PDB file of N, CA and C in Angstrom:
ATOM      1  N   UNK A   1      55.820 -47.711  -4.821  1.00  0.00           N
ATOM      2  CA  UNK A   1      55.106 -46.627  -5.464  1.00  0.00           C
ATOM      3  C   UNK A   1      56.115 -45.696  -6.135  1.00  0.00           C
ATOM      4  N   UNK A   2      55.940 -45.484  -7.392  1.00  0.00           N
ATOM      5  CA  UNK A   2      56.833 -44.601  -8.140  1.00  0.00           C
ATOM      6  C   UNK A   2      56.449 -43.142  -7.890  1.00  0.00           C
ATOM      7  N   UNK A   3      57.443 -42.307  -7.691  1.00  0.00           N
ATOM      8  CA  UNK A   3      57.213 -40.886  -7.453  1.00  0.00           C
ATOM      9  C   UNK A   3      57.239 -40.173  -8.807  1.00  0.00           C
ATOM     10  N   UNK A   4      56.156 -39.462  -9.147  1.00  0.00           N
ATOM     11  CA  UNK A   4      56.172 -38.726 -10.411  1.00  0.00           C
ATOM     12  C   UNK A   4      57.171 -37.575 -10.358  1.00  0.00           C
ATOM     13  N   UNK A   5      57.927 -37.437 -11.427  1.00  0.00           N
ATOM     14  CA  UNK A   5      58.894 -36.343 -11.546  1.00  0.00           C
ATOM     15  C   UNK A   5      58.508 -35.528 -12.770  1.00  0.00           C
ATOM     16  N   UNK A   6      58.159 -34.280 -12.534  1.00  0.00           N
ATOM     17  CA  UNK A   6      57.747 -33.377 -13.604  1.00  0.00           C
ATOM     18  C   UNK A   6      58.909 -32.464 -13.955  1.00  0.00           C
ATOM     19  N   UNK A   7      58.954 -32.034 -15.205  1.00  0.00           N
ATOM     20  CA  UNK A   7      59.986 -31.104 -15.648  1.00  0.00           C
ATOM     21  C   UNK A   7      59.318 -29.774 -15.958  1.00  0.00           C
ATOM     22  N   UNK A   8      59.820 -28.707 -15.337  1.00  0.00           N
ATOM     23  CA  UNK A   8      59.326 -27.359 -15.573  1.00  0.00           C
ATOM     24  C   UNK A   8      60.532 -26.480 -15.888  1.00  0.00           C
ATOM     25  N   UNK A   9      60.717 -26.198 -17.171  1.00  0.00           N
ATOM     26  CA  UNK A   9      61.903 -25.483 -17.631  1.00  0.00           C
ATOM     27  C   UNK A   9      63.156 -26.243 -17.187  1.00  0.00           C
ATOM     28  N   UNK A  10      63.978 -25.641 -16.354  1.00  0.00           N
ATOM     29  CA  UNK A  10      65.222 -26.285 -15.899  1.00  0.00           C
ATOM     30  C   UNK A  10      65.101 -26.859 -14.489  1.00  0.00           C
ATOM     31  N   UNK A  11      63.867 -27.098 -14.052  1.00  0.00           N
ATOM     32  CA  UNK A  11      63.623 -27.606 -12.701  1.00  0.00           C
ATOM     33  C   UNK A  11      62.854 -28.924 -12.782  1.00  0.00           C
ATOM     34  N   UNK A  12      63.275 -29.893 -11.972  1.00  0.00           N
ATOM     35  CA  UNK A  12      62.540 -31.147 -11.811  1.00  0.00           C
ATOM     36  C   UNK A  12      61.760 -31.055 -10.510  1.00  0.00           C
ATOM     37  N   UNK A  13      60.502 -31.500 -10.554  1.00  0.00           N
ATOM     38  CA  UNK A  13      59.638 -31.458  -9.381  1.00  0.00           C
ATOM     39  C   UNK A  13      59.175 -32.879  -9.080  1.00  0.00           C
ATOM     40  N   UNK A  14      59.540 -33.369  -7.899  1.00  0.00           N
ATOM     41  CA  UNK A  14      59.122 -34.702  -7.457  1.00  0.00           C
ATOM     42  C   UNK A  14      58.058 -34.520  -6.384  1.00  0.00           C
ATOM     43  N   UNK A  15      56.886 -35.089  -6.634  1.00  0.00           N
ATOM     44  CA  UNK A  15      55.761 -34.946  -5.709  1.00  0.00           C
ATOM     45  C   UNK A  15      55.566 -36.266  -4.968  1.00  0.00           C
ATOM     46  N   UNK A  16      55.998 -36.313  -3.710  1.00  0.00           N
ATOM     47  CA  UNK A  16      55.796 -37.512  -2.903  1.00  0.00           C
ATOM     48  C   UNK A  16      54.371 -37.467  -2.375  1.00  0.00           C
ATOM     49  N   UNK A  17      53.560 -38.435  -2.797  1.00  0.00           N
ATOM     50  CA  UNK A  17      52.137 -38.395  -2.491  1.00  0.00           C
ATOM     51  C   UNK A  17      51.721 -39.361  -1.391  1.00  0.00           C
ATOM     52  N   UNK A  18      52.625 -40.221  -0.961  1.00  0.00           N
ATOM     53  CA  UNK A  18      52.317 -41.191   0.083  1.00  0.00           C
ATOM     54  C   UNK A  18      53.634 -41.651   0.702  1.00  0.00           C
ATOM     55  N   UNK A  19      53.534 -42.289   1.863  1.00  0.00           N
ATOM     56  CA  UNK A  19      54.745 -42.821   2.498  1.00  0.00           C
ATOM     57  C   UNK A  19      55.439 -43.776   1.535  1.00  0.00           C
ATOM     58  N   UNK A  20      56.761 -43.688   1.488  1.00  0.00           N
ATOM     59  CA  UNK A  20      57.550 -44.497   0.566  1.00  0.00           C
ATOM     60  C   UNK A  20      58.323 -45.567   1.319  1.00  0.00           C
ATOM     61  N   UNK A  21      58.512 -46.687   0.662  1.00  0.00           N
ATOM     62  CA  UNK A  21      59.363 -47.734   1.219  1.00  0.00           C
ATOM     63  C   UNK A  21      60.819 -47.310   1.027  1.00  0.00           C
ATOM     64  N   UNK A  22      61.718 -48.019   1.680  1.00  0.00           N
ATOM     65  CA  UNK A  22      63.147 -47.744   1.507  1.00  0.00           C
ATOM     66  C   UNK A  22      63.538 -47.893   0.039  1.00  0.00           C
ATOM     67  N   UNK A  23      63.009 -48.927  -0.624  1.00  0.00           N
ATOM     68  CA  UNK A  23      63.319 -49.155  -2.039  1.00  0.00           C
ATOM     69  C   UNK A  23      62.802 -48.004  -2.901  1.00  0.00           C
ATOM     70  N   UNK A  24      61.617 -47.475  -2.569  1.00  0.00           N
ATOM     71  CA  UNK A  24      61.064 -46.342  -3.318  1.00  0.00           C
ATOM     72  C   UNK A  24      61.961 -45.115  -3.184  1.00  0.00           C
ATOM     73  N   UNK A  25      62.471 -44.881  -1.987  1.00  0.00           N
ATOM     74  CA  UNK A  25      63.349 -43.736  -1.761  1.00  0.00           C
ATOM     75  C   UNK A  25      64.659 -43.878  -2.532  1.00  0.00           C
ATOM     76  N   UNK A  26      65.222 -45.087  -2.547  1.00  0.00           N
ATOM     77  CA  UNK A  26      66.440 -45.313  -3.330  1.00  0.00           C
ATOM     78  C   UNK A  26      66.175 -45.112  -4.820  1.00  0.00           C
ATOM     79  N   UNK A  27      65.008 -45.554  -5.289  1.00  0.00           N
ATOM     80  CA  UNK A  27      64.640 -45.385  -6.698  1.00  0.00           C
ATOM     81  C   UNK A  27      64.494 -43.905  -7.025  1.00  0.00           C
ATOM     82  N   UNK A  28      63.878 -43.139  -6.121  1.00  0.00           N
ATOM     83  CA  UNK A  28      63.745 -41.701  -6.330  1.00  0.00           C
ATOM     84  C   UNK A  28      65.125 -41.054  -6.430  1.00  0.00           C
ATOM     85  N   UNK A  29      66.035 -41.432  -5.553  1.00  0.00           N
ATOM     86  CA  UNK A  29      67.391 -40.880  -5.588  1.00  0.00           C
ATOM     87  C   UNK A  29      68.057 -41.181  -6.927  1.00  0.00           C
ATOM     88  N   UNK A  30      67.953 -42.413  -7.370  1.00  0.00           N
ATOM     89  CA  UNK A  30      68.543 -42.825  -8.643  1.00  0.00           C
ATOM     90  C   UNK A  30      67.895 -42.098  -9.822  1.00  0.00           C
ATOM     91  N   UNK A  31      66.568 -42.033  -9.817  1.00  0.00           N
ATOM     92  CA  UNK A  31      65.844 -41.367 -10.908  1.00  0.00           C
ATOM     93  C   UNK A  31      66.220 -39.891 -11.007  1.00  0.00           C
ATOM     94  N   UNK A  32      66.274 -39.206  -9.862  1.00  0.00           N
ATOM     95  CA  UNK A  32      66.609 -37.782  -9.891  1.00  0.00           C
ATOM     96  C   UNK A  32      68.046 -37.553 -10.348  1.00  0.00           C
ATOM     97  N   UNK A  33      68.970 -38.365  -9.872  1.00  0.00           N
ATOM     98  CA  UNK A  33      70.369 -38.217 -10.294  1.00  0.00           C
ATOM     99  C   UNK A  33      70.489 -38.383 -11.807  1.00  0.00           C
ATOM    100  N   UNK A  34      69.784 -39.361 -12.344  1.00  0.00           N
ATOM    101  CA  UNK A  34      69.829 -39.619 -13.783  1.00  0.00           C
ATOM    102  C   UNK A  34      69.152 -38.488 -14.563  1.00  0.00           C
ATOM    103  N   UNK A  35      67.987 -38.042 -14.093  1.00  0.00           N
ATOM    104  CA  UNK A  35      67.232 -37.029 -14.835  1.00  0.00           C
ATOM    105  C   UNK A  35      67.853 -35.642 -14.759  1.00  0.00           C
ATOM    106  N   UNK A  36      68.569 -35.343 -13.680  1.00  0.00           N
ATOM    107  CA  UNK A  36      69.281 -34.062 -13.618  1.00  0.00           C
ATOM    108  C   UNK A  36      70.252 -33.974 -14.794  1.00  0.00           C
ATOM    109  N   UNK A  37      70.966 -35.046 -15.059  1.00  0.00           N
ATOM    110  CA  UNK A  37      71.894 -35.057 -16.188  1.00  0.00           C
ATOM    111  C   UNK A  37      71.193 -35.073 -17.530  1.00  0.00           C
ATOM    112  N   UNK A  38      70.185 -35.925 -17.649  1.00  0.00           N
ATOM    113  CA  UNK A  38      69.479 -36.050 -18.931  1.00  0.00           C
ATOM    114  C   UNK A  38      68.857 -34.729 -19.368  1.00  0.00           C
ATOM    115  N   UNK A  39      68.204 -34.021 -18.440  1.00  0.00           N
ATOM    116  CA  UNK A  39      67.508 -32.775 -18.777  1.00  0.00           C
ATOM    117  C   UNK A  39      68.339 -31.530 -18.490  1.00  0.00           C
ATOM    118  N   UNK A  40      69.574 -31.747 -18.008  1.00  0.00           N
ATOM    119  CA  UNK A  40      70.435 -30.632 -17.650  1.00  0.00           C
ATOM    120  C   UNK A  40      69.715 -29.686 -16.686  1.00  0.00           C
ATOM    121  N   UNK A  41      69.038 -30.281 -15.726  1.00  0.00           N
ATOM    122  CA  UNK A  41      68.269 -29.515 -14.746  1.00  0.00           C
ATOM    123  C   UNK A  41      69.208 -28.718 -13.853  1.00  0.00           C
ATOM    124  N   UNK A  42      68.790 -27.524 -13.515  1.00  0.00           N
ATOM    125  CA  UNK A  42      69.555 -26.671 -12.611  1.00  0.00           C
ATOM    126  C   UNK A  42      69.018 -26.742 -11.194  1.00  0.00           C
ATOM    127  N   UNK A  43      67.785 -27.252 -11.051  1.00  0.00           N
ATOM    128  CA  UNK A  43      67.176 -27.317  -9.736  1.00  0.00           C
ATOM    129  C   UNK A  43      66.232 -28.497  -9.601  1.00  0.00           C
ATOM    130  N   UNK A  44      66.014 -28.899  -8.342  1.00  0.00           N
ATOM    131  CA  UNK A  44      65.099 -29.984  -8.009  1.00  0.00           C
ATOM    132  C   UNK A  44      64.262 -29.544  -6.814  1.00  0.00           C
ATOM    133  N   UNK A  45      62.960 -29.758  -6.927  1.00  0.00           N
ATOM    134  CA  UNK A  45      62.058 -29.531  -5.809  1.00  0.00           C
ATOM    135  C   UNK A  45      61.470 -30.877  -5.423  1.00  0.00           C
ATOM    136  N   UNK A  46      61.532 -31.207  -4.135  1.00  0.00           N
ATOM    137  CA  UNK A  46      60.847 -32.393  -3.638  1.00  0.00           C
ATOM    138  C   UNK A  46      59.727 -31.902  -2.732  1.00  0.00           C
ATOM    139  N   UNK A  47      58.497 -32.199  -3.128  1.00  0.00           N
ATOM    140  CA  UNK A  47      57.312 -31.763  -2.396  1.00  0.00           C
ATOM    141  C   UNK A  47      56.840 -32.891  -1.482  1.00  0.00           C
ATOM    142  N   UNK A  48      56.892 -32.643  -0.176  1.00  0.00           N
ATOM    143  CA  UNK A  48      56.497 -33.647   0.816  1.00  0.00           C
ATOM    144  C   UNK A  48      55.206 -33.252   1.538  1.00  0.00           C
ATOM    145  N   UNK A  49      54.429 -32.371   0.932  1.00  0.00           N
ATOM    146  CA  UNK A  49      53.205 -31.861   1.549  1.00  0.00           C
ATOM    147  C   UNK A  49      52.279 -32.974   2.019  1.00  0.00           C
ATOM    148  N   UNK A  50      52.186 -34.055   1.274  1.00  0.00           N
ATOM    149  CA  UNK A  50      51.246 -35.132   1.594  1.00  0.00           C
ATOM    150  C   UNK A  50      51.724 -36.043   2.728  1.00  0.00           C
ATOM    151  N   UNK A  51      52.977 -35.903   3.137  1.00  0.00           N
ATOM    152  CA  UNK A  51      53.503 -36.783   4.179  1.00  0.00           C
ATOM    153  C   UNK A  51      53.090 -36.312   5.564  1.00  0.00           C
ATOM    154  N   UNK A  52      52.617 -37.244   6.374  1.00  0.00           N
ATOM    155  CA  UNK A  52      52.254 -36.897   7.737  1.00  0.00           C
ATOM    156  C   UNK A  52      53.274 -37.416   8.749  1.00  0.00           C
ATOM    157  N   UNK A  53      54.346 -38.037   8.247  1.00  0.00           N
ATOM    158  CA  UNK A  53      55.442 -38.499   9.099  1.00  0.00           C
ATOM    159  C   UNK A  53      56.706 -38.640   8.256  1.00  0.00           C
ATOM    160  N   UNK A  54      57.838 -38.327   8.865  1.00  0.00           N
ATOM    161  CA  UNK A  54      59.136 -38.571   8.234  1.00  0.00           C
ATOM    162  C   UNK A  54      60.024 -39.228   9.272  1.00  0.00           C
ATOM    163  N   UNK A  55      60.435 -40.455   8.985  1.00  0.00           N
ATOM    164  CA  UNK A  55      61.293 -41.173   9.927  1.00  0.00           C
ATOM    165  C   UNK A  55      62.757 -40.866   9.647  1.00  0.00           C
ATOM    166  N   UNK A  56      63.638 -41.459  10.448  1.00  0.00           N
ATOM    167  CA  UNK A  56      65.062 -41.162  10.311  1.00  0.00           C
ATOM    168  C   UNK A  56      65.604 -41.592   8.955  1.00  0.00           C
ATOM    169  N   UNK A  57      65.128 -42.738   8.434  1.00  0.00           N
ATOM    170  CA  UNK A  57      65.632 -43.197   7.147  1.00  0.00           C
ATOM    171  C   UNK A  57      65.199 -42.256   6.020  1.00  0.00           C
ATOM    172  N   UNK A  58      63.926 -41.852   6.000  1.00  0.00           N
ATOM    173  CA  UNK A  58      63.465 -40.971   4.922  1.00  0.00           C
ATOM    174  C   UNK A  58      64.144 -39.607   5.021  1.00  0.00           C
ATOM    175  N   UNK A  59      64.354 -39.117   6.233  1.00  0.00           N
ATOM    176  CA  UNK A  59      65.045 -37.837   6.404  1.00  0.00           C
ATOM    177  C   UNK A  59      66.479 -37.927   5.903  1.00  0.00           C
ATOM    178  N   UNK A  60      67.178 -38.981   6.292  1.00  0.00           N
ATOM    179  CA  UNK A  60      68.565 -39.173   5.852  1.00  0.00           C
ATOM    180  C   UNK A  60      68.632 -39.343   4.328  1.00  0.00           C
ATOM    181  N   UNK A  61      67.689 -40.085   3.765  1.00  0.00           N
ATOM    182  CA  UNK A  61      67.703 -40.302   2.312  1.00  0.00           C
ATOM    183  C   UNK A  61      67.399 -39.010   1.565  1.00  0.00           C
ATOM    184  N   UNK A  62      66.471 -38.199   2.062  1.00  0.00           N
ATOM    185  CA  UNK A  62      66.209 -36.913   1.412  1.00  0.00           C
ATOM    186  C   UNK A  62      67.446 -36.018   1.467  1.00  0.00           C
ATOM    187  N   UNK A  63      68.156 -36.066   2.584  1.00  0.00           N
ATOM    188  CA  UNK A  63      69.412 -35.307   2.685  1.00  0.00           C
ATOM    189  C   UNK A  63      70.425 -35.841   1.676  1.00  0.00           C
ATOM    190  N   UNK A  64      70.523 -37.164   1.546  1.00  0.00           N
ATOM    191  CA  UNK A  64      71.436 -37.763   0.569  1.00  0.00           C
ATOM    192  C   UNK A  64      71.043 -37.400  -0.863  1.00  0.00           C
ATOM    193  N   UNK A  65      69.745 -37.339  -1.129  1.00  0.00           N
ATOM    194  CA  UNK A  65      69.278 -36.930  -2.463  1.00  0.00           C
ATOM    195  C   UNK A  65      69.736 -35.504  -2.741  1.00  0.00           C
ATOM    196  N   UNK A  66      69.643 -34.637  -1.736  1.00  0.00           N
ATOM    197  CA  UNK A  66      70.089 -33.256  -1.923  1.00  0.00           C
ATOM    198  C   UNK A  66      71.581 -33.206  -2.242  1.00  0.00           C
ATOM    199  N   UNK A  67      72.389 -33.994  -1.520  1.00  0.00           N
ATOM    200  CA  UNK A  67      73.825 -34.022  -1.781  1.00  0.00           C
ATOM    201  C   UNK A  67      74.126 -34.595  -3.169  1.00  0.00           C
ATOM    202  N   UNK A  68      73.414 -35.652  -3.538  1.00  0.00           N
ATOM    203  CA  UNK A  68      73.589 -36.256  -4.863  1.00  0.00           C
ATOM    204  C   UNK A  68      73.245 -35.249  -5.955  1.00  0.00           C
ATOM    205  N   UNK A  69      72.138 -34.564  -5.769  1.00  0.00           N
ATOM    206  CA  UNK A  69      71.695 -33.550  -6.731  1.00  0.00           C
ATOM    207  C   UNK A  69      72.753 -32.459  -6.877  1.00  0.00           C
ATOM    208  N   UNK A  70      73.294 -32.032  -5.744  1.00  0.00           N
ATOM    209  CA  UNK A  70      74.322 -30.994  -5.771  1.00  0.00           C
ATOM    210  C   UNK A  70      75.566 -31.471  -6.524  1.00  0.00           C
ATOM    211  N   UNK A  71      75.965 -32.712  -6.286  1.00  0.00           N
ATOM    212  CA  UNK A  71      77.120 -33.264  -6.984  1.00  0.00           C
ATOM    213  C   UNK A  71      76.879 -33.375  -8.487  1.00  0.00           C
ATOM    214  N   UNK A  72      75.610 -33.475  -8.875  1.00  0.00           N
ATOM    215  CA  UNK A  72      75.253 -33.544 -10.294  1.00  0.00           C
ATOM    216  C   UNK A  72      75.091 -32.157 -10.906  1.00  0.00           C
ATOM    217  N   UNK A  73      75.267 -31.103 -10.081  1.00  0.00           N
ATOM    218  CA  UNK A  73      75.266 -29.743 -10.614  1.00  0.00           C
ATOM    219  C   UNK A  73      73.964 -28.987 -10.462  1.00  0.00           C
ATOM    220  N   UNK A  74      73.031 -29.495  -9.665  1.00  0.00           N
ATOM    221  CA  UNK A  74      71.750 -28.810  -9.479  1.00  0.00           C
ATOM    222  C   UNK A  74      71.549 -28.461  -8.013  1.00  0.00           C
ATOM    223  N   UNK A  75      70.698 -27.506  -7.776  1.00  0.00           N
ATOM    224  CA  UNK A  75      70.332 -27.133  -6.406  1.00  0.00           C
ATOM    225  C   UNK A  75      69.019 -27.817  -6.064  1.00  0.00           C
ATOM    226  N   UNK A  76      68.790 -28.038  -4.774  1.00  0.00           N
ATOM    227  CA  UNK A  76      67.564 -28.720  -4.371  1.00  0.00           C
ATOM    228  C   UNK A  76      66.915 -28.017  -3.196  1.00  0.00           C
ATOM    229  N   UNK A  77      65.597 -28.095  -3.151  1.00  0.00           N
ATOM    230  CA  UNK A  77      64.826 -27.567  -2.036  1.00  0.00           C
ATOM    231  C   UNK A  77      63.693 -28.550  -1.735  1.00  0.00           C
ATOM    232  N   UNK A  78      63.464 -28.769  -0.445  1.00  0.00           N
ATOM    233  CA  UNK A  78      62.346 -29.607  -0.004  1.00  0.00           C
ATOM    234  C   UNK A  78      61.236 -28.660   0.436  1.00  0.00           C
ATOM    235  N   UNK A  79      60.035 -28.906  -0.053  1.00  0.00           N
ATOM    236  CA  UNK A  79      58.911 -28.021   0.276  1.00  0.00           C
ATOM    237  C   UNK A  79      57.771 -28.809   0.922  1.00  0.00           C
ATOM    238  N   UNK A  80      56.979 -28.087   1.708  1.00  0.00           N
ATOM    239  CA  UNK A  80      55.742 -28.642   2.215  1.00  0.00           C
ATOM    240  C   UNK A  80      55.820 -29.447   3.493  1.00  0.00           C
ATOM    241  N   UNK A  81      56.880 -29.295   4.274  1.00  0.00           N
ATOM    242  CA  UNK A  81      56.944 -30.034   5.538  1.00  0.00           C
ATOM    243  C   UNK A  81      55.837 -29.490   6.458  1.00  0.00           C
ATOM    244  N   UNK A  82      54.919 -30.371   6.833  1.00  0.00           N
ATOM    245  CA  UNK A  82      53.786 -29.989   7.669  1.00  0.00           C
ATOM    246  C   UNK A  82      54.243 -29.633   9.084  1.00  0.00           C
ATOM    247  N   UNK A  83      53.508 -28.754   9.790  1.00  0.00           N
ATOM    248  CA  UNK A  83      53.911 -28.344  11.143  1.00  0.00           C
ATOM    249  C   UNK A  83      54.114 -29.523  12.098  1.00  0.00           C
ATOM    250  N   UNK A  84      53.198 -30.487  12.095  1.00  0.00           N
ATOM    251  CA  UNK A  84      53.335 -31.632  12.996  1.00  0.00           C
ATOM    252  C   UNK A  84      54.556 -32.481  12.645  1.00  0.00           C
ATOM    253  N   UNK A  85      54.849 -32.578  11.365  1.00  0.00           N
ATOM    254  CA  UNK A  85      56.018 -33.338  10.925  1.00  0.00           C
ATOM    255  C   UNK A  85      57.288 -32.625  11.380  1.00  0.00           C
ATOM    256  N   UNK A  86      57.331 -31.315  11.205  1.00  0.00           N
ATOM    257  CA  UNK A  86      58.500 -30.533  11.637  1.00  0.00           C
ATOM    258  C   UNK A  86      58.704 -30.688  13.145  1.00  0.00           C
ATOM    259  N   UNK A  87      57.635 -30.593  13.900  1.00  0.00           N
ATOM    260  CA  UNK A  87      57.725 -30.735  15.356  1.00  0.00           C
ATOM    261  C   UNK A  87      58.257 -32.120  15.726  1.00  0.00           C
ATOM    262  N   UNK A  88      57.721 -33.154  15.087  1.00  0.00           N
ATOM    263  CA  UNK A  88      58.171 -34.528  15.364  1.00  0.00           C
ATOM    264  C   UNK A  88      59.640 -34.718  14.999  1.00  0.00           C
ATOM    265  N   UNK A  89      60.050 -34.146  13.879  1.00  0.00           N
ATOM    266  CA  UNK A  89      61.441 -34.265  13.460  1.00  0.00           C
ATOM    267  C   UNK A  89      62.368 -33.659  14.515  1.00  0.00           C
ATOM    268  N   UNK A  90      61.990 -32.501  15.027  1.00  0.00           N
ATOM    269  CA  UNK A  90      62.802 -31.848  16.059  1.00  0.00           C
ATOM    270  C   UNK A  90      62.840 -32.712  17.323  1.00  0.00           C
ATOM    271  N   UNK A  91      61.686 -33.233  17.716  1.00  0.00           N
ATOM    272  CA  UNK A  91      61.613 -34.087  18.909  1.00  0.00           C
ATOM    273  C   UNK A  91      62.514 -35.310  18.785  1.00  0.00           C
ATOM    274  N   UNK A  92      62.600 -35.870  17.562  1.00  0.00           N
ATOM    275  CA  UNK A  92      63.399 -37.070  17.323  1.00  0.00           C
ATOM    276  C   UNK A  92      64.862 -36.751  16.983  1.00  0.00           C
ATOM    277  N   UNK A  93      65.202 -35.465  16.896  1.00  0.00           N
ATOM    278  CA  UNK A  93      66.572 -35.071  16.575  1.00  0.00           C
ATOM    279  C   UNK A  93      66.922 -35.253  15.104  1.00  0.00           C
ATOM    280  N   UNK A  94      65.908 -35.282  14.228  1.00  0.00           N
ATOM    281  CA  UNK A  94      66.144 -35.460  12.787  1.00  0.00           C
ATOM    282  C   UNK A  94      66.414 -34.101  12.156  1.00  0.00           C
ATOM    283  N   UNK A  95      67.460 -34.028  11.370  1.00  0.00           N
ATOM    284  CA  UNK A  95      67.855 -32.767  10.764  1.00  0.00           C
ATOM    285  C   UNK A  95      68.084 -32.927   9.260  1.00  0.00           C
ATOM    286  N   UNK A  96      67.843 -31.844   8.564  1.00  0.00           N
ATOM    287  CA  UNK A  96      68.127 -31.779   7.125  1.00  0.00           C
ATOM    288  C   UNK A  96      69.256 -30.768   6.923  1.00  0.00           C
ATOM    289  N   UNK A  97      70.374 -31.013   7.589  1.00  0.00           N
ATOM    290  CA  UNK A  97      71.511 -30.086   7.546  1.00  0.00           C
ATOM    291  C   UNK A  97      71.975 -29.840   6.119  1.00  0.00           C
ATOM    292  N   UNK A  98      72.123 -28.570   5.791  1.00  0.00           N
ATOM    293  CA  UNK A  98      72.627 -28.205   4.480  1.00  0.00           C
ATOM    294  C   UNK A  98      71.608 -28.326   3.364  1.00  0.00           C
ATOM    295  N   UNK A  99      70.354 -28.612   3.696  1.00  0.00           N
ATOM    296  CA  UNK A  99      69.307 -28.766   2.681  1.00  0.00           C
ATOM    297  C   UNK A  99      68.331 -27.604   2.811  1.00  0.00           C
ATOM    298  N   UNK A 100      68.085 -26.923   1.707  1.00  0.00           N
ATOM    299  CA  UNK A 100      67.137 -25.813   1.711  1.00  0.00           C
ATOM    300  C   UNK A 100      65.709 -26.350   1.837  1.00  0.00           C
ATOM    301  N   UNK A 101      64.892 -25.618   2.574  1.00  0.00           N
ATOM    302  CA  UNK A 101      63.478 -25.949   2.697  1.00  0.00           C
ATOM    303  C   UNK A 101      62.664 -24.689   2.428  1.00  0.00           C
ATOM    304  N   UNK A 102      61.424 -24.901   2.009  1.00  0.00           N
ATOM    305  CA  UNK A 102      60.520 -23.778   1.784  1.00  0.00           C
ATOM    306  C   UNK A 102      59.109 -24.214   2.152  1.00  0.00           C
ATOM    307  N   UNK A 103      58.266 -23.239   2.380  1.00  0.00           N
ATOM    308  CA  UNK A 103      56.913 -23.505   2.846  1.00  0.00           C
ATOM    309  C   UNK A 103      56.090 -24.312   1.845  1.00  0.00           C
ATOM    310  N   UNK A 104      56.159 -23.918   0.572  1.00  0.00           N
ATOM    311  CA  UNK A 104      55.342 -24.600  -0.435  1.00  0.00           C
ATOM    312  C   UNK A 104      56.044 -24.552  -1.792  1.00  0.00           C
ATOM    313  N   UNK A 105      55.406 -25.130  -2.782  1.00  0.00           N
ATOM    314  CA  UNK A 105      55.998 -25.223  -4.122  1.00  0.00           C
ATOM    315  C   UNK A 105      56.333 -23.844  -4.679  1.00  0.00           C
ATOM    316  N   UNK A 106      55.433 -22.904  -4.524  1.00  0.00           N
ATOM    317  CA  UNK A 106      55.666 -21.553  -5.030  1.00  0.00           C
ATOM    318  C   UNK A 106      56.914 -20.936  -4.412  1.00  0.00           C
ATOM    319  N   UNK A 107      57.036 -21.057  -3.086  1.00  0.00           N
ATOM    320  CA  UNK A 107      58.225 -20.517  -2.408  1.00  0.00           C
ATOM    321  C   UNK A 107      59.490 -21.279  -2.808  1.00  0.00           C
ATOM    322  N   UNK A 108      59.374 -22.587  -3.010  1.00  0.00           N
ATOM    323  CA  UNK A 108      60.514 -23.386  -3.438  1.00  0.00           C
ATOM    324  C   UNK A 108      61.022 -22.973  -4.807  1.00  0.00           C
ATOM    325  N   UNK A 109      60.099 -22.756  -5.731  1.00  0.00           N
ATOM    326  CA  UNK A 109      60.495 -22.314  -7.073  1.00  0.00           C
ATOM    327  C   UNK A 109      61.104 -20.919  -7.031  1.00  0.00           C
ATOM    328  N   UNK A 110      60.556 -20.039  -6.185  1.00  0.00           N
ATOM    329  CA  UNK A 110      61.126 -18.695  -6.028  1.00  0.00           C
ATOM    330  C   UNK A 110      62.536 -18.774  -5.445  1.00  0.00           C
ATOM    331  N   UNK A 111      62.739 -19.665  -4.478  1.00  0.00           N
ATOM    332  CA  UNK A 111      64.068 -19.860  -3.887  1.00  0.00           C
ATOM    333  C   UNK A 111      65.062 -20.287  -4.969  1.00  0.00           C
ATOM    334  N   UNK A 112      64.680 -21.280  -5.777  1.00  0.00           N
ATOM    335  CA  UNK A 112      65.590 -21.747  -6.827  1.00  0.00           C
ATOM    336  C   UNK A 112      65.881 -20.642  -7.841  1.00  0.00           C
ATOM    337  N   UNK A 113      64.873 -19.894  -8.215  1.00  0.00           N
ATOM    338  CA  UNK A 113      65.070 -18.790  -9.163  1.00  0.00           C
ATOM    339  C   UNK A 113      66.087 -17.793  -8.604  1.00  0.00           C
ATOM    340  N   UNK A 114      65.978 -17.490  -7.317  1.00  0.00           N
ATOM    341  CA  UNK A 114      66.921 -16.588  -6.666  1.00  0.00           C
ATOM    342  C   UNK A 114      68.339 -17.174  -6.687  1.00  0.00           C
ATOM    343  N   UNK A 115      68.456 -18.485  -6.447  1.00  0.00           N
ATOM    344  CA  UNK A 115      69.757 -19.142  -6.480  1.00  0.00           C
ATOM    345  C   UNK A 115      70.360 -19.108  -7.881  1.00  0.00           C
ATOM    346  N   UNK A 116      69.513 -19.296  -8.900  1.00  0.00           N
ATOM    347  CA  UNK A 116      69.995 -19.252 -10.285  1.00  0.00           C
ATOM    348  C   UNK A 116      70.551 -17.862 -10.606  1.00  0.00           C
ATOM    349  N   UNK A 117      69.848 -16.818 -10.167  1.00  0.00           N
ATOM    350  CA  UNK A 117      70.297 -15.459 -10.419  1.00  0.00           C
ATOM    351  C   UNK A 117      71.628 -15.179  -9.723  1.00  0.00           C
ATOM    352  N   UNK A 118      71.769 -15.656  -8.497  1.00  0.00           N
ATOM    353  CA  UNK A 118      73.030 -15.463  -7.771  1.00  0.00           C
ATOM    354  C   UNK A 118      74.171 -16.162  -8.485  1.00  0.00           C
ATOM    355  N   UNK A 119      73.921 -17.338  -9.015  1.00  0.00           N
ATOM    356  CA  UNK A 119      74.962 -18.082  -9.746  1.00  0.00           C
ATOM    357  C   UNK A 119      75.368 -17.335 -11.000  1.00  0.00           C
ATOM    358  N   UNK A 120      74.402 -16.773 -11.702  1.00  0.00           N
ATOM    359  CA  UNK A 120      74.704 -16.014 -12.925  1.00  0.00           C
ATOM    360  C   UNK A 120      75.545 -14.796 -12.621  1.00  0.00           C
ATOM    361  N   UNK A 121      75.261 -14.140 -11.507  1.00  0.00           N
ATOM    362  CA  UNK A 121      75.997 -12.928 -11.128  1.00  0.00           C
ATOM    363  C   UNK A 121      77.436 -13.229 -10.735  1.00  0.00           C
ATOM    364  N   UNK A 122      77.727 -14.453 -10.293  1.00  0.00           N
ATOM    365  CA  UNK A 122      79.090 -14.813  -9.900  1.00  0.00           C
ATOM    366  C   UNK A 122      79.925 -15.358 -11.052  1.00  0.00           C
ATOM    367  N   UNK A 123      79.329 -15.488 -12.202  1.00  0.00           N
ATOM    368  CA  UNK A 123      80.086 -16.038 -13.339  1.00  0.00           C
ATOM    369  C   UNK A 123      80.693 -14.967 -14.178  1.00  0.00           C
TER     370      UNK A 123
END
């Protein structure tokens, strides 16, 4: 299943709408890395609101996507982690170390906007 990636100004938004296979996750990582450069995106939001489970592989791959995005010059935030998913992740010892998270898309976009402003102030 291909993950739709929308462009909103300088932000790419990937909406994961169903559980993804390992190949789908690798494709998402590749697509985002390529599109960050093509569109000169400054930020990426990955919306996982529709997911009712995140296993160790998907958690690790989302973390890798965040690192890849950062290496390509953009910031990333994961939004929409459901309460039961968060609880399960903690129970299983799954972590998104170094990856920003936000409650929903609106909060994720606000987070990125704040990060963009901080970057401008340091230049």
